[in-house]
Amino acid sequence: MARRSVFELSRALQFFSDAGFFSICYNSSTSLPLYYQYKANGGLLLHNFINEWFIANVAIKDNVSLVSSPVFCEGKTPRSSLSTATLQCYDELLSLNNGQLPIGVASNGTCVNKCDMKVFEMNRPNEYTECLVQYFVPQKSITDILHRMEIDHLMWWKKMSNSKDFTPVRTEGGNLSSHIVYSSCHGDTTVESIDVSGPHVELANSPYIISSKISADVAVMVLLHDGYSETQINDKVLQKLKFHQRLAPYKLGMMINGEDTRDLTVVADYIKDELRKETILIQTNINSLDSNRLLKVGVPYAISITDSTLKDGKVYLHNMYASVKEEVHVTHIKERLVKYLKSA
């Protein structure tokens, strides 16, 4: 059962488009949305999601390797899944692991569907970005590995979201397939499918394969939907987004408000140079009176630089999600912000 407040989906979709996440293509005769293409902020959100998926499924796991493959199979047919590439690496990875199971293989990239993928009344035309993890396991380990995988992946989705409205759903019929489903006021959406197949007798050790498949494009739409909220203020509707800090397209907004614009800009440039050493993306040139612009794209932190900064070297660091602020010296901004982002 969804716990989120009800909002008009078409208004939210238009907001996502206006906020630079995707462009909407409409049917000329019905005026209904047909499909969407990423804009700059949507591309950044997609990139950050894939990066967090990589960390959770490869970087911190034992015996899991990341592999890649060409988009076009044999130079002609575009791939419909990444599983062919993972199977081709099996023998080599098994050898590297001294012939012992389990081993894991992960891959992500563009695949092509025979039909469009639909989520929240929006289609992605044919192509989608797949994130695939496959564990090659002996029969005796299936139940244990599958159970831990379901728990870990469900916890990860809840960590990466705001509403926590993700639930596991086992497929009926006695097999070991399951799904992780996002529930909202606009219905249920499958964000991840976990399947078990085997034994694969054509492979050495006849392993079973536990596969986790995610469409990163569906994930982006779900995260936008999950992070969206609106508040009625008099006759206006305030719309904003909130992401997990590591998913946010931009981590920091820079607000300059003062009379000595030239010197304040020098301070801002110093802070930007320091933060870019940590690859922290910044939205700049934000007027302090226009902080709503940061909320519209889900920026978690902001720095306000004022004339007093030139006297004491301090700026205000705002947590945009919690509506709190603290004074920090400009020489400590990088250390403080990196600490907050890593602890998220």
Protein backbone atom coordinates (compact mmCIF):
# COMPACT_ATOMS: atom_id res chain seq x y z
CA MET A 1 0.00 0.00 0.00
CA ALA A 2 1.45 3.35 -1.03
CA ARG A 3 2.02 5.87 1.74
CA ARG A 4 2.80 8.80 -0.51
CA SER A 5 0.46 11.72 -1.00
CA VAL A 6 -1.52 11.82 -4.22
CA PHE A 7 -0.46 14.27 -6.90
CA GLU A 8 -1.33 14.82 -10.53
CA LEU A 9 1.05 12.72 -12.62
CA SER A 10 0.92 14.90 -15.73
CA ARG A 11 1.92 17.95 -13.68
CA ALA A 12 4.85 16.06 -12.16
CA LEU A 13 6.03 14.82 -15.57
CA GLN A 14 5.92 18.33 -16.97
CA PHE A 15 7.87 19.54 -13.93
CA PHE A 16 10.58 16.93 -14.55
CA SER A 17 10.82 18.16 -18.12
CA ASP A 18 10.96 21.84 -17.13
CA ALA A 19 13.63 21.02 -14.52
CA GLY A 20 15.91 19.64 -17.22
CA PHE A 21 15.57 15.89 -16.66
CA PHE A 22 13.96 14.85 -19.93
CA SER A 23 12.08 16.16 -22.92
CA ILE A 24 8.61 14.83 -23.67
CA CYS A 25 7.46 13.93 -27.16
CA TYR A 26 3.69 14.11 -27.63
CA ASN A 27 1.27 12.40 -29.98
CA SER A 28 0.20 15.11 -32.42
CA SER A 29 -3.37 13.82 -32.66
CA THR A 30 -4.12 12.93 -29.03
CA SER A 31 -1.70 15.30 -27.22
CA LEU A 32 -0.73 12.38 -24.97
CA PRO A 33 2.93 11.81 -24.06
CA LEU A 34 4.59 9.20 -26.26
CA TYR A 35 8.13 8.92 -24.95
CA TYR A 36 10.95 10.88 -23.36
CA GLN A 37 14.60 11.62 -24.06
CA TYR A 38 17.13 12.65 -21.42
CA LYS A 39 18.18 16.23 -20.89
CA ALA A 40 21.31 17.26 -18.96
CA ASN A 41 20.01 16.68 -15.41
CA GLY A 42 18.43 13.37 -16.38
CA GLY A 43 21.70 12.20 -17.87
CA LEU A 44 23.51 13.07 -14.64
CA LEU A 45 20.92 11.25 -12.55
CA LEU A 46 21.25 8.19 -14.79
CA HIS A 47 25.05 8.32 -14.48
CA ASN A 48 24.92 8.62 -10.69
CA PHE A 49 22.46 5.74 -10.40
CA ILE A 50 24.70 3.44 -12.46
CA ASN A 51 27.71 4.50 -10.39
CA GLU A 52 25.94 3.65 -7.13
CA TRP A 53 24.77 0.34 -8.64
CA PHE A 54 28.40 -0.43 -9.53
CA ILE A 55 29.60 0.35 -6.00
CA ALA A 56 26.89 -1.81 -4.40
CA ASN A 57 27.20 -4.77 -6.76
CA VAL A 58 30.85 -4.82 -7.84
CA ALA A 59 33.20 -2.55 -5.91
CA ILE A 60 32.36 -3.87 -2.43
CA LYS A 61 31.72 -7.50 -3.42
CA ASP A 62 34.09 -10.45 -3.50
CA ASN A 63 34.65 -12.34 -6.76
CA VAL A 64 32.42 -10.08 -8.88
CA SER A 65 33.92 -8.76 -12.13
CA LEU A 66 32.65 -6.03 -14.46
CA VAL A 67 32.63 -6.94 -18.15
CA SER A 68 31.58 -5.17 -21.33
CA SER A 69 30.50 -6.17 -24.82
CA PRO A 70 29.75 -4.50 -28.17
CA VAL A 71 26.25 -3.12 -28.68
CA PHE A 72 25.96 -4.89 -32.03
CA CYS A 73 26.21 -8.66 -32.02
CA GLU A 74 28.42 -9.86 -34.88
CA GLY A 75 28.36 -6.31 -36.19
CA LYS A 76 24.73 -6.43 -37.31
CA THR A 77 22.09 -7.13 -34.66
CA PRO A 78 21.84 -4.87 -31.60
CA ARG A 79 21.91 -6.78 -28.34
CA SER A 80 18.67 -7.31 -26.43
CA SER A 81 20.40 -8.30 -23.19
CA LEU A 82 23.84 -8.32 -21.59
CA SER A 83 23.68 -11.98 -20.55
CA THR A 84 25.56 -13.21 -23.64
CA ALA A 85 28.60 -11.16 -22.66
CA THR A 86 28.59 -12.48 -19.10
CA LEU A 87 28.37 -16.11 -20.24
CA GLN A 88 31.33 -15.63 -22.58
CA CYS A 89 33.49 -14.60 -19.61
CA TYR A 90 32.53 -17.56 -17.43
CA ASP A 91 35.43 -19.93 -18.17
CA GLU A 92 38.08 -17.25 -17.72
CA LEU A 93 36.62 -15.97 -14.46
CA LEU A 94 36.20 -19.50 -13.13
CA SER A 95 39.87 -20.14 -13.86
CA LEU A 96 40.88 -16.93 -12.07
CA ASN A 97 38.92 -18.16 -9.05
CA ASN A 98 40.79 -21.50 -9.08
CA GLY A 99 37.79 -23.33 -10.51
CA GLN A 100 35.67 -22.57 -7.45
CA LEU A 101 32.08 -21.35 -7.29
CA PRO A 102 30.42 -18.98 -6.62
CA ILE A 103 31.64 -16.25 -8.94
CA GLY A 104 29.84 -13.11 -10.07
CA VAL A 105 29.74 -11.11 -13.28
CA ALA A 106 28.26 -7.64 -13.76
CA SER A 107 27.66 -5.52 -16.82
CA ASN A 108 25.76 -2.40 -17.82
CA GLY A 109 24.99 -0.77 -21.13
CA THR A 110 22.45 -0.03 -23.83
CA CYS A 111 20.16 -2.82 -25.02
CA VAL A 112 17.30 -2.87 -27.51
CA ASN A 113 13.76 -4.07 -26.85
CA LYS A 114 11.30 -5.29 -29.44
CA CYS A 115 8.72 -3.05 -27.80
CA ASP A 116 8.80 0.18 -25.84
CA MET A 117 9.27 0.16 -22.06
CA LYS A 118 6.48 2.00 -20.30
CA VAL A 119 6.68 3.54 -16.85
CA PHE A 120 4.33 6.19 -15.40
CA GLU A 121 2.60 6.58 -18.78
CA MET A 122 5.93 7.38 -20.44
CA ASN A 123 7.73 5.22 -23.00
CA ARG A 124 11.39 4.82 -23.82
CA PRO A 125 11.55 3.99 -27.53
CA ASN A 126 13.05 0.51 -27.90
CA GLU A 127 16.42 1.08 -26.25
CA TYR A 128 17.07 0.92 -22.54
CA THR A 129 20.05 0.85 -20.18
CA GLU A 130 20.39 -2.52 -18.48
CA CYS A 131 22.26 -3.20 -15.26
CA LEU A 132 22.89 -6.94 -14.92
CA VAL A 133 24.48 -8.99 -12.15
CA GLN A 134 24.80 -12.76 -12.44
CA TYR A 135 26.06 -15.17 -9.81
CA PHE A 136 27.20 -18.61 -10.94
CA VAL A 137 26.58 -20.85 -7.94
CA PRO A 138 26.50 -24.54 -6.98
CA GLN A 139 23.08 -26.02 -6.28
CA LYS A 140 23.68 -26.25 -2.54
CA SER A 141 24.23 -22.47 -2.30
CA ILE A 142 21.18 -21.27 -4.25
CA THR A 143 18.82 -20.66 -1.35
CA ASP A 144 21.38 -18.91 0.85
CA ILE A 145 22.80 -16.63 -1.86
CA LEU A 146 19.35 -15.80 -3.26
CA HIS A 147 18.02 -14.93 0.19
CA ARG A 148 20.96 -12.65 1.00
CA MET A 149 20.73 -11.08 -2.44
CA GLU A 150 17.04 -10.26 -2.02
CA ILE A 151 17.62 -8.69 1.40
CA ASP A 152 20.70 -6.70 0.34
CA HIS A 153 19.09 -5.38 -2.84
CA LEU A 154 15.85 -4.42 -1.09
CA MET A 155 17.80 -2.53 1.59
CA TRP A 156 19.79 -0.76 -1.13
CA TRP A 157 16.65 0.45 -2.91
CA LYS A 158 15.25 1.74 0.37
CA LYS A 159 18.53 3.48 1.16
CA MET A 160 18.58 5.17 -2.24
CA SER A 161 14.98 6.39 -1.95
CA ASN A 162 12.91 8.73 0.19
CA SER A 163 9.61 6.94 0.71
CA LYS A 164 10.94 3.40 1.33
CA ASP A 165 7.94 2.09 -0.64
CA PHE A 166 9.80 -0.91 -2.05
CA THR A 167 8.69 -4.47 -1.39
CA PRO A 168 9.85 -7.93 -2.53
CA VAL A 169 7.34 -10.03 -4.46
CA ARG A 170 7.95 -13.74 -5.02
CA THR A 171 6.69 -15.16 -8.31
CA GLU A 172 3.88 -17.68 -7.85
CA GLY A 173 4.30 -21.26 -8.96
CA GLY A 174 7.04 -22.51 -6.70
CA ASN A 175 10.04 -21.23 -8.68
CA LEU A 176 12.68 -18.97 -7.17
CA SER A 177 12.03 -15.83 -9.19
CA SER A 178 11.19 -12.58 -7.44
CA HIS A 179 10.79 -8.87 -8.08
CA ILE A 180 11.36 -5.68 -6.15
CA VAL A 181 8.37 -3.41 -6.64
CA TYR A 182 7.96 0.32 -6.07
CA SER A 183 4.44 1.20 -4.90
CA SER A 184 3.05 4.68 -5.35
CA CYS A 185 -0.17 6.58 -5.76
CA HIS A 186 0.12 5.84 -9.48
CA GLY A 187 0.44 2.07 -9.23
CA ASP A 188 3.18 -0.52 -8.86
CA THR A 189 6.40 -0.54 -10.89
CA THR A 190 8.93 -3.37 -10.99
CA VAL A 191 12.40 -1.92 -10.49
CA GLU A 192 14.40 -5.15 -10.32
CA SER A 193 13.88 -8.76 -11.37
CA ILE A 194 15.78 -11.64 -9.76
CA ASP A 195 15.67 -15.04 -11.47
CA VAL A 196 17.26 -18.45 -10.99
CA SER A 197 18.04 -20.77 -13.90
CA GLY A 198 19.94 -24.02 -14.30
CA PRO A 199 21.69 -26.26 -14.00
CA HIS A 200 23.69 -25.09 -17.01
CA VAL A 201 25.33 -28.37 -17.96
CA GLU A 202 27.05 -26.80 -20.97
CA LEU A 203 29.28 -24.87 -18.53
CA ALA A 204 32.04 -26.27 -16.35
CA ASN A 205 30.78 -27.31 -12.88
CA SER A 206 27.17 -27.12 -14.19
CA PRO A 207 26.35 -23.95 -12.25
CA TYR A 208 22.99 -22.43 -11.52
CA ILE A 209 22.71 -18.74 -12.41
CA ILE A 210 21.07 -16.14 -10.17
CA SER A 211 20.43 -13.03 -12.26
CA SER A 212 19.48 -9.52 -11.18
CA LYS A 213 18.24 -7.22 -13.94
CA ILE A 214 17.49 -3.52 -13.62
CA SER A 215 16.45 -1.04 -16.26
CA ALA A 216 18.33 2.09 -15.22
CA ASP A 217 15.82 4.17 -17.22
CA VAL A 218 12.93 2.81 -15.17
CA ALA A 219 15.00 3.47 -12.04
CA VAL A 220 15.49 7.12 -13.02
CA MET A 221 11.76 7.63 -13.51
CA VAL A 222 11.02 5.91 -10.19
CA LEU A 223 13.60 8.03 -8.34
CA LEU A 224 12.12 11.20 -9.83
CA HIS A 225 8.62 10.11 -8.85
CA ASP A 226 9.81 9.06 -5.39
CA GLY A 227 11.69 12.32 -4.80
CA TYR A 228 8.91 14.60 -6.00
CA SER A 229 6.71 16.59 -3.65
CA GLU A 230 4.45 19.58 -3.94
CA THR A 231 3.08 22.03 -1.41
CA GLN A 232 0.15 24.39 -1.86
CA ILE A 233 1.10 27.94 -0.86
CA ASN A 234 -1.83 30.31 -1.29
CA ASP A 235 -2.72 30.02 -4.97
CA LYS A 236 0.62 28.52 -6.02
CA VAL A 237 2.02 24.99 -5.97
CA LEU A 238 5.64 24.70 -4.80
CA GLN A 239 7.25 21.72 -6.53
CA LYS A 240 10.59 20.27 -5.49
CA LEU A 241 12.78 17.19 -5.64
CA LYS A 242 14.77 15.34 -3.01
CA PHE A 243 17.30 12.64 -3.85
CA HIS A 244 19.76 10.56 -1.93
CA GLN A 245 22.76 12.88 -1.78
CA ARG A 246 24.95 10.64 -3.92
CA LEU A 247 22.27 10.42 -6.61
CA ALA A 248 21.62 14.16 -6.85
CA PRO A 249 22.79 15.54 -10.23
CA TYR A 250 24.39 18.51 -8.47
CA LYS A 251 25.68 18.31 -4.92
CA LEU A 252 26.02 22.01 -4.20
CA GLY A 253 24.51 25.33 -5.17
CA MET A 254 26.57 28.51 -4.97
CA MET A 255 24.62 31.62 -3.94
CA ILE A 256 26.29 35.05 -4.06
CA ASN A 257 24.52 37.94 -2.37
CA GLY A 258 26.37 41.17 -1.70
CA GLU A 259 27.49 44.50 -3.04
CA ASP A 260 31.16 43.66 -3.63
CA THR A 261 30.40 41.28 -6.47
CA ARG A 262 33.94 41.18 -7.83
CA ASP A 263 35.63 40.07 -4.59
CA LEU A 264 32.79 37.69 -3.75
CA THR A 265 33.25 36.05 -7.13
CA VAL A 266 36.92 35.49 -6.31
CA VAL A 267 35.88 33.68 -3.12
CA ALA A 268 33.33 31.64 -5.07
CA ASP A 269 35.95 30.66 -7.65
CA TYR A 270 38.31 29.50 -4.89
CA ILE A 271 35.60 27.30 -3.36
CA LYS A 272 34.64 25.90 -6.77
CA ASP A 273 38.25 25.02 -7.58
CA GLU A 274 38.66 23.23 -4.26
CA LEU A 275 35.43 21.24 -4.60
CA ARG A 276 36.11 20.26 -8.19
CA LYS A 277 39.24 18.51 -6.98
CA GLU A 278 36.78 16.12 -5.33
CA THR A 279 34.66 15.96 -8.53
CA ILE A 280 31.73 17.65 -6.78
CA LEU A 281 29.34 19.13 -9.35
CA ILE A 282 28.17 22.65 -8.53
CA GLN A 283 25.30 24.81 -9.71
CA THR A 284 26.54 28.38 -9.79
CA ASN A 285 25.16 31.87 -10.30
CA ILE A 286 22.17 31.32 -8.04
CA ASN A 287 20.69 34.41 -6.46
CA SER A 288 20.12 33.94 -2.72
CA LEU A 289 16.50 34.94 -3.23
CA ASP A 290 16.05 32.12 -5.75
CA SER A 291 16.88 29.08 -3.61
CA ASN A 292 13.75 27.39 -4.99
CA ARG A 293 15.73 26.85 -8.17
CA LEU A 294 18.01 24.51 -6.23
CA LEU A 295 15.08 22.62 -4.72
CA LYS A 296 13.61 22.08 -8.18
CA VAL A 297 16.60 19.98 -9.24
CA GLY A 298 17.19 18.31 -5.88
CA VAL A 299 20.45 20.01 -4.85
CA PRO A 300 21.17 18.85 -1.26
CA TYR A 301 23.58 21.60 -0.16
CA ALA A 302 24.12 25.29 -0.85
CA ILE A 303 26.70 27.89 0.11
CA SER A 304 25.75 31.52 0.54
CA ILE A 305 28.58 34.01 0.15
CA THR A 306 27.89 37.51 1.47
CA ASP A 307 29.81 40.72 2.14
CA SER A 308 30.60 39.48 5.66
CA THR A 309 32.56 36.62 4.09
CA LEU A 310 35.19 39.16 3.03
CA LYS A 311 35.62 40.18 6.68
CA ASP A 312 35.69 36.86 8.55
CA GLY A 313 36.22 34.30 5.78
CA LYS A 314 33.05 32.41 6.70
CA VAL A 315 30.14 31.29 4.55
CA TYR A 316 26.85 29.64 5.37
CA LEU A 317 26.54 25.98 4.41
CA HIS A 318 22.85 25.15 3.98
CA ASN A 319 21.36 21.67 4.12
CA MET A 320 18.56 22.23 1.61
CA TYR A 321 16.69 19.07 2.59
CA ALA A 322 16.69 19.73 6.33
CA SER A 323 16.40 23.54 6.14
CA VAL A 324 19.34 24.06 8.51
CA LYS A 325 22.57 25.99 8.09
CA GLU A 326 25.96 26.36 9.73
CA GLU A 327 28.86 28.78 9.50
CA VAL A 328 31.99 27.30 7.95
CA HIS A 329 35.29 28.93 7.07
CA VAL A 330 36.02 28.83 3.34
CA THR A 331 39.17 26.77 3.94
CA HIS A 332 37.09 24.03 5.61
CA ILE A 333 34.23 23.83 3.11
CA LYS A 334 35.75 21.01 1.06
CA GLU A 335 36.50 18.87 4.10
CA ARG A 336 33.04 19.42 5.59
CA LEU A 337 31.10 18.75 2.40
CA VAL A 338 33.10 15.65 1.48
CA LYS A 339 32.44 14.30 4.98
CA TYR A 340 28.68 14.84 4.64
CA LEU A 341 28.49 13.27 1.19
CA LYS A 342 30.53 10.20 2.16
CA SER A 343 28.48 9.60 5.30
CA ALA A 344 25.18 9.66 3.40
